[in-house]
Amino acid sequence: MIRIFSILVGLFFTVALLWSFGNGAYNQITDPSPATAEELFHQHPKSLALASDGPFGNFDRRQLQRGFQVYQEVCSACHALKLVAYRDLKQLGYNDDEVKAIAAKAQVPVYDRNTGEVKGHAGLPTDHFPPVVYGGQGSPPDLSLITKARHGGASYVYSLLTGYQEQPADLLKKFPDAKTPEGLHYNPYFANLNIAMPPPLTSDGQVTYGDGTKATVAQMSKDVSAFLVWTAEPNLAKRHQTGWPVLGFLLFATILTYLSYRNIWADKKH
């Protein structure tokens, strides 16, 4: 009796669930919800080609150095790189003296267990990039893994940096209440269209590249996006270099195993 009752209860909940799902699907088809401003005007990231793309990708060191320069001169005022150590910059082509000089410009906070005070010292190559003390509202995200944490990766970062613009007239015509609030900035590549971060790259030549590359807004955005790909996965090139020999070995081992199978079991089949 208890088993029959349990089956009936299970059937009741199954039928109720199916009815609820079917009713919701029917209502959505016959009377769909009106599209929101975000659904209509949010844009997918622009296409961005980097040297590190693809299974054979490798980092362009000159571009990474330019991207690091953009980060240092523009982005570092608000965004930290807490997972990156100064000595890691040697992978970008900097020598030991250059790394020491870069680290020495930073003040790294150190907690004193005896006094409970936080003191600072000049950065060392072994130190990580220090946290950023931000005076505004909110807390800007750390950029160490930003290209892994955002859909679109480097393309999203590039699109966001180059996507600031005035609100389209069509948006305000269809959604009069969707005007960008005071203190925010319209960017169609941001999830809700309005972002608190002011445009960080505002004009060509904002950074002066040492290698003579013309520092347009698009170029600076591309370079810093490439740099942030490196911070998120500094061993990407090594992984690519290691992966192909491993795949080759596995292919060879598979063929060898198959030939061994054919040789050993050839006279065992009936």
Protein backbone atom coordinates (compact mmCIF):
# COMPACT_ATOMS: atom_id res chain seq x y z
CA MET A 1 0.00 0.00 0.00
CA ILE A 2 2.81 2.40 0.90
CA ARG A 3 4.57 1.60 -2.38
CA ILE A 4 1.44 2.36 -4.41
CA PHE A 5 0.96 5.62 -2.51
CA SER A 6 4.59 6.62 -3.18
CA ILE A 7 4.19 5.90 -6.90
CA LEU A 8 1.00 7.99 -7.05
CA VAL A 9 2.72 10.89 -5.27
CA GLY A 10 5.64 10.68 -7.67
CA LEU A 11 3.32 10.64 -10.67
CA PHE A 12 1.44 13.65 -9.31
CA PHE A 13 4.60 15.74 -8.97
CA THR A 14 5.83 14.59 -12.41
CA VAL A 15 2.58 15.60 -14.05
CA ALA A 16 2.58 18.93 -12.18
CA LEU A 17 6.14 19.65 -13.30
CA LEU A 18 5.38 18.79 -16.93
CA TRP A 19 2.22 20.91 -16.86
CA SER A 20 4.11 23.86 -15.37
CA PHE A 21 6.87 23.58 -17.99
CA GLY A 22 4.40 23.22 -20.87
CA ASN A 23 2.25 26.09 -19.64
CA GLY A 24 5.29 28.36 -19.30
CA ALA A 25 6.55 27.44 -22.78
CA TYR A 26 3.10 28.04 -24.29
CA ASN A 27 2.79 31.45 -22.63
CA GLN A 28 6.27 32.42 -23.80
CA ILE A 29 5.43 31.47 -27.39
CA THR A 30 1.98 33.04 -27.51
CA ASP A 31 2.76 36.09 -25.38
CA PRO A 32 6.56 36.64 -25.27
CA SER A 33 8.03 39.12 -22.82
CA PRO A 34 9.02 42.42 -24.43
CA ALA A 35 12.72 42.71 -25.21
CA THR A 36 14.78 44.84 -22.85
CA ALA A 37 17.25 47.55 -23.82
CA GLU A 38 20.12 45.25 -22.85
CA GLU A 39 18.86 42.46 -25.14
CA LEU A 40 18.45 44.78 -28.11
CA PHE A 41 21.53 46.96 -27.83
CA HIS A 42 24.15 44.79 -26.11
CA GLN A 43 26.82 43.80 -28.62
CA HIS A 44 29.10 40.78 -28.78
CA PRO A 45 32.85 41.43 -28.62
CA LYS A 46 34.63 42.56 -31.75
CA SER A 47 36.95 40.19 -33.57
CA LEU A 48 40.54 40.45 -32.34
CA ALA A 49 43.53 38.55 -33.73
CA LEU A 50 46.57 38.09 -31.47
CA ALA A 51 49.85 36.26 -31.99
CA SER A 52 48.96 33.96 -29.08
CA ASP A 53 45.76 32.70 -30.71
CA GLY A 54 45.36 29.12 -31.89
CA PRO A 55 47.19 25.89 -31.08
CA PHE A 56 50.45 27.20 -32.56
CA GLY A 57 50.14 30.63 -30.92
CA ASN A 58 53.10 32.32 -29.29
CA PHE A 59 53.44 35.64 -27.49
CA ASP A 60 54.74 38.71 -29.27
CA ARG A 61 57.17 40.09 -26.67
CA ARG A 62 57.28 43.56 -28.16
CA GLN A 63 53.50 43.75 -28.01
CA LEU A 64 53.46 42.45 -24.44
CA GLN A 65 55.95 45.15 -23.42
CA ARG A 66 53.78 47.79 -25.04
CA GLY A 67 50.74 46.37 -23.27
CA PHE A 68 52.57 46.42 -19.95
CA GLN A 69 53.45 50.05 -20.57
CA VAL A 70 49.78 50.87 -21.15
CA TYR A 71 48.87 49.03 -17.95
CA GLN A 72 51.57 50.85 -15.97
CA GLU A 73 50.75 54.33 -17.24
CA VAL A 74 46.96 54.08 -17.53
CA CYS A 75 45.35 51.07 -15.85
CA SER A 76 47.46 50.59 -12.72
CA ALA A 77 45.93 53.62 -10.98
CA CYS A 78 42.74 51.60 -10.40
CA HIS A 79 43.42 47.94 -11.26
CA ALA A 80 45.86 45.57 -9.56
CA LEU A 81 47.67 42.46 -10.81
CA LYS A 82 47.94 40.61 -7.51
CA LEU A 83 48.75 37.22 -9.09
CA VAL A 84 51.75 38.53 -11.05
CA ALA A 85 55.23 38.88 -9.54
CA TYR A 86 57.71 41.42 -10.84
CA ARG A 87 60.20 38.67 -11.67
CA ASP A 88 57.61 37.24 -14.08
CA LEU A 89 58.27 40.26 -16.31
CA LYS A 90 61.49 38.57 -17.46
CA GLN A 91 59.24 36.47 -19.69
CA LEU A 92 58.37 39.67 -21.53
CA GLY A 93 62.03 40.23 -22.42
CA TYR A 94 63.12 42.50 -19.56
CA ASN A 95 66.53 41.79 -18.03
CA ASP A 96 67.27 41.55 -14.29
CA ASP A 97 68.26 45.20 -13.91
CA GLU A 98 65.13 46.37 -15.71
CA VAL A 99 62.93 44.18 -13.53
CA LYS A 100 64.59 45.52 -10.38
CA ALA A 101 64.07 49.10 -11.57
CA ILE A 102 60.39 48.46 -12.35
CA ALA A 103 59.80 46.79 -8.97
CA ALA A 104 61.63 49.53 -7.05
CA LYS A 105 59.12 52.14 -8.25
CA ALA A 106 56.33 50.45 -6.28
CA GLN A 107 55.63 50.56 -2.56
CA VAL A 108 54.73 47.06 -1.38
CA PRO A 109 52.79 46.87 1.92
CA VAL A 110 54.19 44.54 4.58
CA TYR A 111 52.34 43.49 7.74
CA ASP A 112 54.42 43.68 10.92
CA ARG A 113 53.29 40.89 13.26
CA ASN A 114 54.95 42.47 16.26
CA THR A 115 53.32 45.89 16.04
CA GLY A 116 50.28 45.14 13.90
CA GLU A 117 51.24 47.98 11.59
CA VAL A 118 51.34 47.87 7.83
CA LYS A 119 54.51 49.39 6.44
CA GLY A 120 55.73 49.72 2.91
CA HIS A 121 59.05 49.02 1.26
CA ALA A 122 60.38 49.49 -2.23
CA GLY A 123 59.35 46.57 -4.41
CA LEU A 124 61.65 43.63 -5.05
CA PRO A 125 61.59 41.25 -8.03
CA THR A 126 60.15 38.57 -5.74
CA ASP A 127 57.20 40.75 -4.72
CA HIS A 128 53.83 40.60 -6.39
CA PHE A 129 52.22 43.71 -7.79
CA PRO A 130 50.78 45.52 -4.75
CA PRO A 131 47.06 46.10 -4.22
CA VAL A 132 45.61 49.39 -5.41
CA VAL A 133 44.10 51.82 -2.93
CA TYR A 134 41.09 53.17 -4.79
CA GLY A 135 39.35 56.27 -3.50
CA GLY A 136 36.18 56.06 -5.57
CA GLN A 137 33.02 54.04 -5.10
CA GLY A 138 33.13 50.30 -5.61
CA SER A 139 36.20 48.18 -6.09
CA PRO A 140 37.68 47.88 -9.61
CA PRO A 141 38.40 44.24 -10.49
CA ASP A 142 41.87 42.78 -10.35
CA LEU A 143 43.09 42.24 -13.91
CA SER A 144 45.31 39.19 -13.38
CA LEU A 145 42.73 36.75 -14.75
CA ILE A 146 40.31 39.13 -16.45
CA THR A 147 40.66 37.50 -19.88
CA LYS A 148 39.75 34.16 -18.31
CA ALA A 149 36.92 35.56 -16.20
CA ARG A 150 35.06 37.37 -19.00
CA HIS A 151 33.29 35.78 -21.95
CA GLY A 152 35.23 36.74 -25.04
CA GLY A 153 38.53 37.08 -23.20
CA ALA A 154 40.89 39.49 -24.91
CA SER A 155 38.21 40.43 -27.46
CA TYR A 156 35.95 41.56 -24.63
CA VAL A 157 38.69 43.73 -23.08
CA TYR A 158 39.54 45.24 -26.47
CA SER A 159 35.88 45.90 -27.30
CA LEU A 160 35.20 47.46 -23.92
CA LEU A 161 38.16 49.82 -24.18
CA THR A 162 37.22 50.94 -27.70
CA GLY A 163 33.45 50.82 -27.24
CA TYR A 164 32.65 54.01 -25.33
CA GLN A 165 30.15 56.15 -27.24
CA GLU A 166 27.06 58.28 -26.98
CA GLN A 167 23.77 56.50 -26.45
CA PRO A 168 22.07 55.69 -29.78
CA ALA A 169 19.01 57.77 -30.58
CA ASP A 170 17.07 54.56 -31.28
CA LEU A 171 17.68 53.36 -27.73
CA LEU A 172 16.32 56.54 -26.16
CA LYS A 173 13.40 56.51 -28.59
CA LYS A 174 12.36 52.97 -27.68
CA PHE A 175 13.34 53.20 -24.00
CA PRO A 176 13.04 56.81 -22.77
CA ASP A 177 13.79 55.71 -19.20
CA ALA A 178 17.04 53.99 -20.22
CA LYS A 179 19.12 57.16 -20.31
CA THR A 180 22.58 56.60 -18.89
CA PRO A 181 22.57 57.75 -15.23
CA GLU A 182 24.83 60.54 -14.07
CA GLY A 183 28.31 59.24 -13.30
CA LEU A 184 28.03 56.23 -15.64
CA HIS A 185 29.18 55.81 -19.23
CA TYR A 186 27.44 54.11 -22.14
CA ASN A 187 29.25 51.11 -23.56
CA PRO A 188 27.33 48.52 -25.64
CA TYR A 189 29.91 45.82 -24.87
CA PHE A 190 29.22 45.99 -21.12
CA ALA A 191 26.50 43.68 -19.83
CA ASN A 192 23.98 46.34 -18.75
CA LEU A 193 25.21 48.99 -21.23
CA ASN A 194 26.26 51.47 -18.51
CA ILE A 195 29.64 51.19 -16.82
CA ALA A 196 31.11 53.17 -13.93
CA MET A 197 34.66 53.15 -15.33
CA PRO A 198 35.35 56.28 -17.40
CA PRO A 199 37.04 55.63 -20.75
CA PRO A 200 40.69 55.02 -19.79
CA LEU A 201 42.09 55.46 -23.30
CA THR A 202 40.76 58.75 -24.59
CA SER A 203 43.12 59.91 -27.33
CA ASP A 204 45.88 58.78 -29.66
CA GLY A 205 49.37 59.29 -28.28
CA GLN A 206 48.24 58.95 -24.67
CA VAL A 207 51.22 56.60 -24.26
CA THR A 208 54.53 57.07 -26.06
CA TYR A 209 55.89 53.72 -27.20
CA GLY A 210 59.63 53.28 -27.08
CA ASP A 211 59.68 51.07 -30.20
CA GLY A 212 58.11 53.76 -32.37
CA THR A 213 54.72 52.07 -32.78
CA LYS A 214 51.94 54.60 -33.32
CA ALA A 215 49.90 54.64 -30.12
CA THR A 216 46.35 54.93 -31.41
CA VAL A 217 43.48 54.10 -29.07
CA ALA A 218 42.87 50.88 -31.01
CA GLN A 219 46.57 49.91 -30.86
CA MET A 220 46.88 50.61 -27.13
CA SER A 221 43.68 48.63 -26.47
CA LYS A 222 44.99 45.69 -28.50
CA ASP A 223 48.38 45.75 -26.78
CA VAL A 224 47.01 45.84 -23.24
CA SER A 225 44.54 43.08 -24.14
CA ALA A 226 47.44 40.92 -25.33
CA PHE A 227 49.31 41.69 -22.11
CA LEU A 228 46.31 40.60 -20.02
CA VAL A 229 46.17 37.32 -21.95
CA TRP A 230 49.74 36.76 -20.76
CA THR A 231 48.95 37.64 -17.10
CA ALA A 232 46.10 35.12 -17.15
CA GLU A 233 48.18 32.34 -18.69
CA PRO A 234 51.91 33.12 -18.80
CA ASN A 235 52.77 29.50 -19.65
CA LEU A 236 50.55 29.40 -22.72
CA ALA A 237 53.44 29.27 -25.21
CA LYS A 238 55.21 26.54 -23.21
CA ARG A 239 51.96 24.58 -23.05
CA HIS A 240 51.63 24.78 -26.82
CA GLN A 241 55.25 23.69 -27.29
CA THR A 242 54.79 20.73 -24.94
CA GLY A 243 51.37 19.71 -26.21
CA TRP A 244 52.30 18.82 -29.76
CA PRO A 245 55.14 16.39 -28.87
CA VAL A 246 52.81 14.76 -26.34
CA LEU A 247 50.09 14.34 -28.96
CA GLY A 248 52.68 12.95 -31.37
CA PHE A 249 53.85 10.42 -28.78
CA LEU A 250 50.26 9.37 -28.02
CA LEU A 251 49.57 8.89 -31.72
CA PHE A 252 52.73 6.82 -32.11
CA ALA A 253 51.87 4.74 -29.02
CA THR A 254 48.34 4.14 -30.33
CA ILE A 255 49.63 2.89 -33.70
CA LEU A 256 52.25 0.72 -31.98
CA THR A 257 49.61 -0.76 -29.66
CA TYR A 258 47.31 -1.53 -32.57
CA LEU A 259 50.10 -3.24 -34.55
CA SER A 260 51.08 -5.25 -31.47
CA TYR A 261 47.46 -6.32 -31.04
CA ARG A 262 47.26 -7.45 -34.65
CA ASN A 263 50.55 -9.39 -34.32
CA ILE A 264 49.79 -11.09 -30.97
CA TRP A 265 46.15 -11.98 -31.56
CA ALA A 266 46.26 -12.69 -35.29
CA ASP A 267 46.26 -16.52 -34.84
CA LYS A 268 43.88 -16.48 -31.87
CA LYS A 269 40.78 -15.49 -33.81
CA HIS A 270 38.32 -18.18 -34.87
